[in-house]
Amino acid sequence: MLNKIQYISHGDTPQEQLYHIEAVLGAGQQWIQYRFKNTTNTTLWQTAELVKKLCEQYQATLIINDHVDLAKAIEADGVHLGLTDLSITQAKAYLPNKIIGGTANTIEDIKLRHTEGCDYIGLGPYRFTTTKQKLSPILGIAGYQQLLKQMQRLTINIPVVAIGGIQLEDVENLKQTGLHGIAISSLLQNSTDKRTLLKQLNNILK
């Protein structure tokens, strides 16, 4: 089951990663994408094992960002791949019966993801975000409207999740474009009342 709200983990140390992941899980978040950049492989893997335990404890879906080998090793629920990562086709062969998500920014990217057979598309960025380096061109609401209409015309029926600097006040407009859901990091992480925020988001997206 593809959640309407995906949390993308953020933190510069294992402690930060685990603190934020446990905090959002405790507030009721059910989908974690573990994303830990600029660290050693050992730290990445060791932290992932602890994240897996947390997700099992809270019965949440765990998606690994980029690292297909890590997703397989810890038996995560799936993987999310950027445009320069391993292809979706290769990932599906390596991780049979797992959730494979892929990033997209243009209609060409979406067509490619469709051909490869990914399970959902992370489409963005919606606006500028500091949590991602090497940002693709910003889409804004008009970009989503245009791309989702093009998908309809091409009869591409893959769930699309918006990503990139999304705030609470953006969600209603994003939903109107026909998106399946949203992927958020700072919005949830920095919230002082995560449980209420998740309820608000779920109410808008349901």
N, C-alpha and C. Protein backbone atom coordinates (compact mmCIF):
# COMPACT_ATOMS: atom_id res chain seq x y z
N MET A 1 0.85 -1.20 0.00
CA MET A 1 0.00 0.00 0.00
C MET A 1 0.88 1.25 0.00
N LEU A 2 0.62 2.13 -0.93
CA LEU A 2 1.44 3.34 -1.08
C LEU A 2 0.84 4.46 -0.22
N ASN A 3 1.58 4.86 0.79
CA ASN A 3 1.09 5.92 1.68
C ASN A 3 0.99 7.26 0.95
N LYS A 4 0.09 8.09 1.43
CA LYS A 4 -0.08 9.42 0.84
C LYS A 4 0.94 10.42 1.39
N ILE A 5 1.55 10.05 2.53
CA ILE A 5 2.58 10.91 3.11
C ILE A 5 3.85 10.09 3.29
N GLN A 6 4.91 10.52 2.63
CA GLN A 6 6.20 9.85 2.75
C GLN A 6 7.15 10.80 3.49
N TYR A 7 7.80 10.28 4.52
CA TYR A 7 8.80 11.08 5.22
C TYR A 7 10.18 10.68 4.73
N ILE A 8 10.94 11.68 4.30
CA ILE A 8 12.32 11.45 3.86
C ILE A 8 13.25 11.88 4.98
N SER A 9 14.02 10.93 5.48
CA SER A 9 14.84 11.22 6.66
C SER A 9 15.95 12.20 6.33
N HIS A 10 16.32 12.96 7.36
CA HIS A 10 17.37 13.97 7.20
C HIS A 10 18.13 14.06 8.51
N GLY A 11 19.43 14.21 8.39
CA GLY A 11 20.28 14.33 9.57
C GLY A 11 21.72 14.09 9.16
N ASP A 12 22.64 14.80 9.81
CA ASP A 12 24.05 14.72 9.43
C ASP A 12 24.80 13.64 10.20
N THR A 13 24.18 13.12 11.27
CA THR A 13 24.82 12.07 12.08
C THR A 13 23.80 10.94 12.28
N PRO A 14 24.28 9.75 12.64
CA PRO A 14 23.35 8.66 12.94
C PRO A 14 22.36 9.05 14.04
N GLN A 15 22.86 9.78 15.05
CA GLN A 15 22.00 10.19 16.16
C GLN A 15 20.85 11.08 15.68
N GLU A 16 21.18 12.04 14.81
CA GLU A 16 20.15 12.94 14.26
C GLU A 16 19.14 12.14 13.44
N GLN A 17 19.63 11.28 12.57
CA GLN A 17 18.76 10.44 11.73
C GLN A 17 17.78 9.66 12.59
N LEU A 18 18.31 8.95 13.57
CA LEU A 18 17.49 8.08 14.41
C LEU A 18 16.51 8.88 15.28
N TYR A 19 16.97 10.02 15.77
CA TYR A 19 16.11 10.88 16.58
C TYR A 19 14.89 11.33 15.77
N HIS A 20 15.15 11.83 14.56
CA HIS A 20 14.05 12.34 13.73
C HIS A 20 13.13 11.21 13.28
N ILE A 21 13.71 10.08 12.90
CA ILE A 21 12.89 8.95 12.42
C ILE A 21 11.99 8.44 13.55
N GLU A 22 12.57 8.29 14.74
CA GLU A 22 11.74 7.80 15.85
C GLU A 22 10.65 8.82 16.23
N ALA A 23 10.99 10.10 16.15
CA ALA A 23 10.00 11.14 16.48
C ALA A 23 8.81 11.11 15.53
N VAL A 24 9.06 10.95 14.23
CA VAL A 24 7.94 10.95 13.27
C VAL A 24 7.14 9.64 13.35
N LEU A 25 7.84 8.53 13.61
CA LEU A 25 7.14 7.25 13.79
C LEU A 25 6.24 7.32 15.01
N GLY A 26 6.75 7.90 16.08
CA GLY A 26 5.98 8.05 17.31
C GLY A 26 4.74 8.91 17.14
N ALA A 27 4.79 9.81 16.16
CA ALA A 27 3.64 10.69 15.88
C ALA A 27 2.63 10.04 14.94
N GLY A 28 2.98 8.83 14.44
CA GLY A 28 2.02 8.12 13.58
C GLY A 28 2.40 8.02 12.12
N GLN A 29 3.59 8.49 11.76
CA GLN A 29 4.02 8.39 10.36
C GLN A 29 4.28 6.93 9.99
N GLN A 30 3.79 6.52 8.81
CA GLN A 30 3.81 5.09 8.45
C GLN A 30 4.75 4.75 7.29
N TRP A 31 5.42 5.75 6.73
CA TRP A 31 6.29 5.49 5.57
C TRP A 31 7.57 6.29 5.76
N ILE A 32 8.67 5.59 5.84
CA ILE A 32 9.99 6.23 6.02
C ILE A 32 10.85 5.94 4.80
N GLN A 33 11.37 7.00 4.19
CA GLN A 33 12.43 6.81 3.19
C GLN A 33 13.74 7.21 3.86
N TYR A 34 14.60 6.20 4.05
CA TYR A 34 15.87 6.43 4.74
C TYR A 34 16.87 7.01 3.74
N ARG A 35 17.24 8.27 3.99
CA ARG A 35 18.15 8.97 3.10
C ARG A 35 19.26 9.59 3.95
N PHE A 36 20.47 9.09 3.77
CA PHE A 36 21.59 9.53 4.60
C PHE A 36 22.79 9.77 3.68
N LYS A 37 22.97 11.03 3.31
CA LYS A 37 24.04 11.39 2.38
C LYS A 37 25.32 11.78 3.14
N ASN A 38 26.41 11.85 2.41
CA ASN A 38 27.68 12.36 2.93
C ASN A 38 28.12 11.65 4.22
N THR A 39 28.04 10.35 4.20
CA THR A 39 28.53 9.57 5.34
C THR A 39 29.29 8.35 4.81
N THR A 40 29.95 7.64 5.70
CA THR A 40 30.68 6.44 5.26
C THR A 40 29.70 5.29 5.03
N ASN A 41 30.12 4.34 4.25
CA ASN A 41 29.28 3.18 3.98
C ASN A 41 28.95 2.42 5.26
N THR A 42 29.95 2.31 6.14
CA THR A 42 29.76 1.60 7.40
C THR A 42 28.67 2.27 8.23
N THR A 43 28.76 3.59 8.35
CA THR A 43 27.77 4.34 9.13
C THR A 43 26.39 4.23 8.49
N LEU A 44 26.36 4.34 7.18
CA LEU A 44 25.10 4.23 6.44
C LEU A 44 24.40 2.90 6.74
N TRP A 45 25.17 1.82 6.67
CA TRP A 45 24.61 0.48 6.85
C TRP A 45 24.25 0.23 8.32
N GLN A 46 25.12 0.61 9.23
CA GLN A 46 24.84 0.38 10.65
C GLN A 46 23.59 1.14 11.10
N THR A 47 23.46 2.37 10.63
CA THR A 47 22.29 3.18 10.98
C THR A 47 21.03 2.58 10.36
N ALA A 48 21.16 2.08 9.14
CA ALA A 48 20.02 1.47 8.45
C ALA A 48 19.45 0.28 9.23
N GLU A 49 20.33 -0.49 9.83
CA GLU A 49 19.87 -1.65 10.62
C GLU A 49 19.03 -1.19 11.82
N LEU A 50 19.42 -0.08 12.42
CA LEU A 50 18.67 0.47 13.55
C LEU A 50 17.34 1.07 13.09
N VAL A 51 17.37 1.70 11.91
CA VAL A 51 16.14 2.26 11.33
C VAL A 51 15.15 1.13 11.02
N LYS A 52 15.68 0.03 10.51
CA LYS A 52 14.82 -1.13 10.20
C LYS A 52 14.11 -1.62 11.46
N LYS A 53 14.84 -1.68 12.56
CA LYS A 53 14.23 -2.13 13.84
C LYS A 53 13.12 -1.18 14.27
N LEU A 54 13.37 0.12 14.13
CA LEU A 54 12.35 1.12 14.49
C LEU A 54 11.10 0.95 13.63
N CYS A 55 11.30 0.78 12.34
CA CYS A 55 10.16 0.63 11.41
C CYS A 55 9.38 -0.65 11.72
N GLU A 56 10.08 -1.70 12.09
CA GLU A 56 9.40 -2.94 12.48
C GLU A 56 8.58 -2.73 13.76
N GLN A 57 9.18 -2.02 14.69
CA GLN A 57 8.52 -1.74 15.97
C GLN A 57 7.20 -0.98 15.75
N TYR A 58 7.24 -0.01 14.82
CA TYR A 58 6.06 0.83 14.56
C TYR A 58 5.24 0.33 13.36
N GLN A 59 5.63 -0.82 12.82
CA GLN A 59 4.95 -1.42 11.66
C GLN A 59 4.82 -0.43 10.50
N ALA A 60 5.93 0.24 10.22
CA ALA A 60 5.97 1.23 9.13
C ALA A 60 6.74 0.68 7.93
N THR A 61 6.41 1.20 6.77
CA THR A 61 7.10 0.83 5.53
C THR A 61 8.47 1.51 5.49
N LEU A 62 9.49 0.75 5.15
CA LEU A 62 10.85 1.31 5.05
C LEU A 62 11.35 1.21 3.61
N ILE A 63 11.63 2.38 3.04
CA ILE A 63 12.20 2.50 1.70
C ILE A 63 13.61 3.05 1.83
N ILE A 64 14.56 2.45 1.15
CA ILE A 64 15.94 2.92 1.18
C ILE A 64 16.21 3.81 -0.03
N ASN A 65 16.79 4.97 0.21
CA ASN A 65 17.14 5.88 -0.87
C ASN A 65 18.44 5.42 -1.55
N ASP A 66 18.37 5.21 -2.85
CA ASP A 66 19.55 4.94 -3.70
C ASP A 66 20.18 3.54 -3.59
N HIS A 67 20.34 3.02 -2.39
CA HIS A 67 21.22 1.86 -2.19
C HIS A 67 20.46 0.53 -2.27
N VAL A 68 20.45 -0.03 -3.46
CA VAL A 68 19.72 -1.28 -3.71
C VAL A 68 20.33 -2.43 -2.91
N ASP A 69 21.65 -2.47 -2.83
CA ASP A 69 22.33 -3.55 -2.09
C ASP A 69 21.97 -3.50 -0.60
N LEU A 70 21.87 -2.31 -0.06
CA LEU A 70 21.49 -2.13 1.35
C LEU A 70 20.03 -2.56 1.57
N ALA A 71 19.16 -2.16 0.65
CA ALA A 71 17.74 -2.54 0.75
C ALA A 71 17.59 -4.05 0.77
N LYS A 72 18.37 -4.72 -0.06
CA LYS A 72 18.31 -6.20 -0.12
C LYS A 72 18.87 -6.82 1.16
N ALA A 73 19.99 -6.29 1.62
CA ALA A 73 20.68 -6.86 2.79
C ALA A 73 19.82 -6.81 4.05
N ILE A 74 19.11 -5.70 4.26
CA ILE A 74 18.32 -5.58 5.51
C ILE A 74 16.85 -5.93 5.28
N GLU A 75 16.54 -6.39 4.05
CA GLU A 75 15.16 -6.76 3.71
C GLU A 75 14.19 -5.61 3.96
N ALA A 76 14.55 -4.44 3.42
CA ALA A 76 13.65 -3.28 3.48
C ALA A 76 12.46 -3.54 2.55
N ASP A 77 11.46 -2.68 2.65
CA ASP A 77 10.25 -2.87 1.82
C ASP A 77 10.46 -2.43 0.37
N GLY A 78 11.52 -1.66 0.14
CA GLY A 78 11.77 -1.22 -1.23
C GLY A 78 12.88 -0.20 -1.30
N VAL A 79 12.96 0.44 -2.46
CA VAL A 79 14.05 1.39 -2.72
C VAL A 79 13.51 2.54 -3.56
N HIS A 80 14.09 3.72 -3.36
CA HIS A 80 13.76 4.87 -4.20
C HIS A 80 15.02 5.30 -4.96
N LEU A 81 14.91 5.40 -6.27
CA LEU A 81 16.08 5.65 -7.12
C LEU A 81 16.00 6.99 -7.84
N GLY A 82 17.11 7.72 -7.80
CA GLY A 82 17.23 8.96 -8.55
C GLY A 82 17.51 8.67 -10.02
N LEU A 83 17.53 9.72 -10.82
CA LEU A 83 17.70 9.56 -12.27
C LEU A 83 19.09 9.08 -12.66
N THR A 84 20.06 9.27 -11.77
CA THR A 84 21.42 8.85 -12.10
C THR A 84 21.80 7.55 -11.38
N ASP A 85 20.85 6.96 -10.65
CA ASP A 85 21.11 5.71 -9.94
C ASP A 85 20.91 4.52 -10.88
N LEU A 86 20.99 3.33 -10.30
CA LEU A 86 20.68 2.09 -11.01
C LEU A 86 19.30 2.22 -11.66
N SER A 87 19.11 1.60 -12.82
CA SER A 87 17.81 1.70 -13.49
C SER A 87 16.75 0.91 -12.72
N ILE A 88 15.50 1.33 -12.88
CA ILE A 88 14.38 0.66 -12.22
C ILE A 88 14.34 -0.82 -12.65
N THR A 89 14.58 -1.06 -13.93
CA THR A 89 14.55 -2.42 -14.46
C THR A 89 15.56 -3.31 -13.74
N GLN A 90 16.77 -2.82 -13.57
CA GLN A 90 17.81 -3.59 -12.86
C GLN A 90 17.42 -3.80 -11.39
N ALA A 91 16.87 -2.74 -10.79
CA ALA A 91 16.48 -2.82 -9.38
C ALA A 91 15.37 -3.85 -9.18
N LYS A 92 14.43 -3.92 -10.13
CA LYS A 92 13.33 -4.88 -10.03
C LYS A 92 13.84 -6.32 -10.10
N ALA A 93 14.84 -6.52 -10.93
CA ALA A 93 15.44 -7.86 -11.05
C ALA A 93 16.17 -8.24 -9.77
N TYR A 94 16.80 -7.24 -9.16
CA TYR A 94 17.60 -7.47 -7.95
C TYR A 94 16.72 -7.57 -6.70
N LEU A 95 15.60 -6.82 -6.72
CA LEU A 95 14.69 -6.79 -5.57
C LEU A 95 13.27 -7.19 -6.00
N PRO A 96 13.07 -8.47 -6.34
CA PRO A 96 11.74 -8.88 -6.77
C PRO A 96 10.70 -8.69 -5.66
N ASN A 97 9.49 -8.32 -6.07
CA ASN A 97 8.37 -8.15 -5.13
C ASN A 97 8.59 -7.07 -4.08
N LYS A 98 9.45 -6.11 -4.40
CA LYS A 98 9.64 -4.97 -3.49
C LYS A 98 9.11 -3.70 -4.18
N ILE A 99 8.88 -2.65 -3.37
CA ILE A 99 8.41 -1.37 -3.91
C ILE A 99 9.60 -0.64 -4.53
N ILE A 100 9.46 -0.25 -5.79
CA ILE A 100 10.54 0.51 -6.46
C ILE A 100 9.97 1.85 -6.91
N GLY A 101 10.47 2.91 -6.30
CA GLY A 101 10.06 4.26 -6.68
C GLY A 101 11.17 4.95 -7.44
N GLY A 102 10.79 5.91 -8.28
CA GLY A 102 11.80 6.63 -9.07
C GLY A 102 11.52 8.11 -9.14
N THR A 103 12.59 8.88 -9.16
CA THR A 103 12.49 10.34 -9.26
C THR A 103 12.22 10.75 -10.70
N ALA A 104 11.47 11.85 -10.88
CA ALA A 104 11.26 12.43 -12.22
C ALA A 104 11.12 13.94 -12.09
N ASN A 105 11.44 14.62 -13.20
CA ASN A 105 11.34 16.08 -13.23
C ASN A 105 10.62 16.57 -14.49
N THR A 106 10.67 15.75 -15.56
CA THR A 106 10.09 16.15 -16.86
C THR A 106 9.18 15.03 -17.37
N ILE A 107 8.44 15.31 -18.44
CA ILE A 107 7.58 14.28 -19.03
C ILE A 107 8.43 13.14 -19.62
N GLU A 108 9.63 13.46 -20.10
CA GLU A 108 10.54 12.42 -20.60
C GLU A 108 10.93 11.46 -19.47
N ASP A 109 11.23 12.04 -18.30
CA ASP A 109 11.56 11.21 -17.13
C ASP A 109 10.38 10.30 -16.78
N ILE A 110 9.17 10.88 -16.80
CA ILE A 110 7.96 10.12 -16.45
C ILE A 110 7.75 8.97 -17.43
N LYS A 111 7.93 9.26 -18.71
CA LYS A 111 7.78 8.20 -19.73
C LYS A 111 8.79 7.07 -19.49
N LEU A 112 10.02 7.45 -19.15
CA LEU A 112 11.07 6.47 -18.87
C LEU A 112 10.68 5.60 -17.66
N ARG A 113 10.24 6.26 -16.60
CA ARG A 113 9.82 5.54 -15.40
C ARG A 113 8.67 4.58 -15.70
N HIS A 114 7.75 5.03 -16.56
CA HIS A 114 6.60 4.22 -16.96
C HIS A 114 7.07 2.97 -17.72
N THR A 115 7.97 3.18 -18.66
CA THR A 115 8.52 2.07 -19.46
C THR A 115 9.24 1.07 -18.56
N GLU A 116 9.98 1.61 -17.58
CA GLU A 116 10.75 0.74 -16.67
C GLU A 116 9.84 -0.01 -15.69
N GLY A 117 8.63 0.52 -15.49
CA GLY A 117 7.67 -0.17 -14.62
C GLY A 117 7.83 0.13 -13.15
N CYS A 118 8.14 1.40 -12.81
CA CYS A 118 8.28 1.72 -11.38
C CYS A 118 6.91 1.78 -10.70
N ASP A 119 6.89 1.63 -9.39
CA ASP A 119 5.63 1.57 -8.64
C ASP A 119 5.06 2.94 -8.30
N TYR A 120 5.92 3.92 -8.17
CA TYR A 120 5.45 5.30 -7.95
C TYR A 120 6.55 6.25 -8.41
N ILE A 121 6.14 7.49 -8.67
CA ILE A 121 7.10 8.51 -9.12
C ILE A 121 7.16 9.62 -8.08
N GLY A 122 8.38 9.97 -7.68
CA GLY A 122 8.60 11.15 -6.85
C GLY A 122 8.90 12.31 -7.80
N LEU A 123 7.91 13.17 -7.99
CA LEU A 123 8.00 14.24 -9.00
C LEU A 123 8.30 15.57 -8.33
N GLY A 124 9.36 16.22 -8.78
CA GLY A 124 9.71 17.50 -8.16
C GLY A 124 10.99 18.07 -8.75
N PRO A 125 11.50 19.13 -8.13
CA PRO A 125 11.03 19.69 -6.87
C PRO A 125 9.89 20.70 -7.05
N TYR A 126 9.03 20.75 -6.03
CA TYR A 126 7.93 21.73 -6.03
C TYR A 126 8.49 23.14 -5.89
N ARG A 127 9.37 23.33 -4.95
CA ARG A 127 10.06 24.61 -4.80
C ARG A 127 11.47 24.34 -4.31
N PHE A 128 12.24 25.39 -4.11
CA PHE A 128 13.62 25.24 -3.66
C PHE A 128 13.65 24.57 -2.28
N THR A 129 14.57 23.64 -2.11
CA THR A 129 14.74 22.98 -0.82
C THR A 129 16.22 22.86 -0.49
N THR A 130 16.55 23.02 0.78
CA THR A 130 17.96 22.94 1.19
C THR A 130 18.36 21.51 1.52
N THR A 131 17.38 20.58 1.59
CA THR A 131 17.73 19.21 1.98
C THR A 131 18.26 18.38 0.82
N LYS A 132 18.23 18.95 -0.39
CA LYS A 132 18.76 18.19 -1.53
C LYS A 132 19.77 19.05 -2.30
N GLN A 133 20.89 18.43 -2.65
CA GLN A 133 21.89 19.11 -3.48
C GLN A 133 21.61 18.80 -4.95
N LYS A 134 22.19 19.58 -5.85
CA LYS A 134 22.01 19.38 -7.31
C LYS A 134 20.52 19.30 -7.67
N LEU A 135 19.81 20.34 -7.32
CA LEU A 135 18.36 20.38 -7.51
C LEU A 135 18.00 20.50 -8.99
N SER A 136 16.98 19.74 -9.41
CA SER A 136 16.46 19.86 -10.78
C SER A 136 15.62 21.12 -10.89
N PRO A 137 15.25 21.54 -12.14
CA PRO A 137 14.42 22.75 -12.29
C PRO A 137 13.12 22.66 -11.47
N ILE A 138 12.77 23.77 -10.84
CA ILE A 138 11.61 23.82 -9.95
C ILE A 138 10.31 23.80 -10.77
N LEU A 139 9.33 23.01 -10.32
CA LEU A 139 8.09 22.82 -11.08
C LEU A 139 6.99 23.81 -10.70
N GLY A 140 6.83 24.04 -9.40
CA GLY A 140 5.71 24.88 -8.97
C GLY A 140 4.38 24.20 -9.29
N ILE A 141 3.28 24.83 -8.90
CA ILE A 141 1.96 24.21 -9.09
C ILE A 141 1.63 24.04 -10.57
N ALA A 142 2.02 25.01 -11.38
CA ALA A 142 1.73 24.96 -12.83
C ALA A 142 2.45 23.78 -13.48
N GLY A 143 3.65 23.50 -13.02
CA GLY A 143 4.42 22.37 -13.55
C GLY A 143 3.74 21.05 -13.29
N TYR A 144 3.21 20.90 -12.08
CA TYR A 144 2.48 19.66 -11.74
C TYR A 144 1.20 19.53 -12.56
N GLN A 145 0.46 20.63 -12.68
CA GLN A 145 -0.79 20.60 -13.47
C GLN A 145 -0.50 20.14 -14.90
N GLN A 146 0.53 20.73 -15.49
CA GLN A 146 0.88 20.41 -16.88
C GLN A 146 1.32 18.95 -17.03
N LEU A 147 2.20 18.50 -16.14
CA LEU A 147 2.73 17.14 -16.24
C LEU A 147 1.66 16.08 -15.98
N LEU A 148 0.79 16.33 -15.02
CA LEU A 148 -0.27 15.35 -14.74
C LEU A 148 -1.29 15.29 -15.88
N LYS A 149 -1.54 16.43 -16.53
CA LYS A 149 -2.42 16.42 -17.71
C LYS A 149 -1.78 15.62 -18.85
N GLN A 150 -0.49 15.82 -19.04
CA GLN A 150 0.23 15.06 -20.08
C GLN A 150 0.20 13.56 -19.78
N MET A 151 0.33 13.21 -18.51
CA MET A 151 0.25 11.79 -18.13
C MET A 151 -1.13 11.21 -18.46
N GLN A 152 -2.17 12.00 -18.20
CA GLN A 152 -3.53 11.55 -18.53
C GLN A 152 -3.67 11.29 -20.02
N ARG A 153 -3.16 12.23 -20.80
CA ARG A 153 -3.25 12.10 -22.27
C ARG A 153 -2.51 10.86 -22.76
N LEU A 154 -1.40 10.54 -22.10
CA LEU A 154 -0.58 9.38 -22.49
C LEU A 154 -1.04 8.10 -21.79
N THR A 155 -2.13 8.20 -21.02
CA THR A 155 -2.66 7.10 -20.19
C THR A 155 -1.57 6.42 -19.35
N ILE A 156 -0.77 7.24 -18.70
CA ILE A 156 0.23 6.74 -17.75
C ILE A 156 -0.39 6.84 -16.35
N ASN A 157 -0.65 5.69 -15.76
CA ASN A 157 -1.35 5.66 -14.47
C ASN A 157 -0.44 5.22 -13.33
N ILE A 158 0.62 5.96 -13.11
CA ILE A 158 1.51 5.64 -11.98
C ILE A 158 1.23 6.67 -10.88
N PRO A 159 1.10 6.24 -9.62
CA PRO A 159 0.92 7.22 -8.55
C PRO A 159 2.08 8.21 -8.51
N VAL A 160 1.73 9.48 -8.39
CA VAL A 160 2.75 10.54 -8.37
C VAL A 160 2.76 11.20 -7.00
N VAL A 161 3.96 11.35 -6.44
CA VAL A 161 4.15 11.97 -5.14
C VAL A 161 4.97 13.24 -5.34
N ALA A 162 4.44 14.36 -4.85
CA ALA A 162 5.15 15.65 -4.99
C ALA A 162 6.23 15.74 -3.92
N ILE A 163 7.31 16.38 -4.27
CA ILE A 163 8.44 16.50 -3.34
C ILE A 163 9.16 17.83 -3.54
N GLY A 164 9.71 18.35 -2.44
CA GLY A 164 10.58 19.52 -2.56
C GLY A 164 10.03 20.77 -1.90
N GLY A 165 10.37 20.97 -0.64
CA GLY A 165 10.03 22.22 0.05
C GLY A 165 8.54 22.44 0.28
N ILE A 166 7.76 21.37 0.37
CA ILE A 166 6.30 21.50 0.51
C ILE A 166 5.94 21.97 1.92
N GLN A 167 5.03 22.95 1.98
CA GLN A 167 4.51 23.45 3.25
C GLN A 167 3.03 23.08 3.37
N LEU A 168 2.50 23.18 4.57
CA LEU A 168 1.11 22.79 4.82
C LEU A 168 0.13 23.50 3.89
N GLU A 169 0.36 24.80 3.67
CA GLU A 169 -0.57 25.59 2.84
C GLU A 169 -0.51 25.21 1.35
N ASP A 170 0.48 24.43 0.95
CA ASP A 170 0.60 24.01 -0.45
C ASP A 170 -0.23 22.76 -0.77
N VAL A 171 -0.55 22.00 0.27
CA VAL A 171 -1.03 20.63 0.06
C VAL A 171 -2.38 20.57 -0.65
N GLU A 172 -3.30 21.46 -0.29
CA GLU A 172 -4.62 21.46 -0.93
C GLU A 172 -4.49 21.68 -2.44
N ASN A 173 -3.70 22.68 -2.84
CA ASN A 173 -3.50 22.96 -4.27
C ASN A 173 -2.83 21.80 -4.99
N LEU A 174 -1.87 21.18 -4.32
CA LEU A 174 -1.18 20.03 -4.92
C LEU A 174 -2.15 18.86 -5.11
N LYS A 175 -3.00 18.65 -4.13
CA LYS A 175 -3.98 17.56 -4.23
C LYS A 175 -4.90 17.76 -5.44
N GLN A 176 -5.28 19.02 -5.68
CA GLN A 176 -6.19 19.33 -6.80
C GLN A 176 -5.61 18.96 -8.17
N THR A 177 -4.30 18.85 -8.25
CA THR A 177 -3.68 18.50 -9.55
C THR A 177 -3.87 17.02 -9.89
N GLY A 178 -4.28 16.22 -8.88
CA GLY A 178 -4.46 14.79 -9.12
C GLY A 178 -3.32 13.93 -8.59
N LEU A 179 -2.45 14.55 -7.81
CA LEU A 179 -1.34 13.80 -7.21
C LEU A 179 -1.85 12.76 -6.22
N HIS A 180 -1.06 11.70 -6.06
CA HIS A 180 -1.40 10.67 -5.07
C HIS A 180 -1.08 11.16 -3.65
N GLY A 181 0.07 11.83 -3.51
CA GLY A 181 0.48 12.24 -2.17
C GLY A 181 1.70 13.15 -2.19
N ILE A 182 2.34 13.25 -1.03
CA ILE A 182 3.48 14.16 -0.89
C ILE A 182 4.62 13.46 -0.15
N ALA A 183 5.84 13.88 -0.45
CA ALA A 183 7.02 13.45 0.30
C ALA A 183 7.57 14.69 1.00
N ILE A 184 7.76 14.58 2.31
CA ILE A 184 8.18 15.74 3.09
C ILE A 184 9.34 15.37 4.00
N SER A 185 10.12 16.38 4.34
CA SER A 185 11.22 16.17 5.28
C SER A 185 11.15 17.24 6.37
N SER A 186 11.57 18.46 6.03
CA SER A 186 11.64 19.56 7.02
C SER A 186 10.28 19.87 7.64
N LEU A 187 9.23 19.86 6.82
CA LEU A 187 7.88 20.22 7.32
C LEU A 187 7.52 19.38 8.54
N LEU A 188 7.74 18.07 8.45
CA LEU A 188 7.39 17.17 9.55
C LEU A 188 8.45 17.20 10.64
N GLN A 189 9.68 17.21 10.20
CA GLN A 189 10.80 17.13 11.15
C GLN A 189 10.83 18.33 12.09
N ASN A 190 10.55 19.52 11.54
CA ASN A 190 10.65 20.75 12.34
C ASN A 190 9.36 21.09 13.09
N SER A 191 8.32 20.30 12.87
CA SER A 191 7.04 20.58 13.52
C SER A 191 7.12 20.29 15.02
N THR A 192 6.53 21.18 15.83
CA THR A 192 6.52 20.98 17.28
C THR A 192 5.34 20.09 17.70
N ASP A 193 4.39 19.89 16.78
CA ASP A 193 3.26 19.01 17.05
C ASP A 193 3.04 18.11 15.83
N LYS A 194 3.88 17.10 15.74
CA LYS A 194 3.91 16.24 14.55
C LYS A 194 2.61 15.46 14.38
N ARG A 195 2.03 15.02 15.48
CA ARG A 195 0.80 14.22 15.41
C ARG A 195 -0.34 15.03 14.78
N THR A 196 -0.50 16.27 15.25
CA THR A 196 -1.56 17.14 14.70
C THR A 196 -1.29 17.45 13.23
N LEU A 197 -0.04 17.73 12.90
CA LEU A 197 0.32 18.01 11.50
C LEU A 197 -0.03 16.83 10.60
N LEU A 198 0.31 15.63 11.03
CA LEU A 198 0.01 14.44 10.22
C LEU A 198 -1.50 14.26 10.04
N LYS A 199 -2.27 14.56 11.09
CA LYS A 199 -3.73 14.47 10.98
C LYS A 199 -4.25 15.48 9.95
N GLN A 200 -3.71 16.70 10.02
CA GLN A 200 -4.12 17.75 9.06
C GLN A 200 -3.80 17.32 7.63
N LEU A 201 -2.59 16.81 7.42
CA LEU A 201 -2.16 16.39 6.09
C LEU A 201 -3.03 15.24 5.57
N ASN A 202 -3.26 14.27 6.44
CA ASN A 202 -4.10 13.12 6.04
C ASN A 202 -5.52 13.54 5.71
N ASN A 203 -6.05 14.49 6.46
CA ASN A 203 -7.41 14.99 6.19
C ASN A 203 -7.50 15.66 4.81
N ILE A 204 -6.45 16.41 4.47
CA ILE A 204 -6.45 17.09 3.17
C ILE A 204 -6.31 16.07 2.02
N LEU A 205 -5.44 15.09 2.23
CA LEU A 205 -5.10 14.16 1.14
C LEU A 205 -6.06 13.00 0.97
N LYS A 206 -6.92 12.77 1.95
CA LYS A 206 -7.77 11.56 1.87
C LYS A 206 -8.83 11.67 0.76
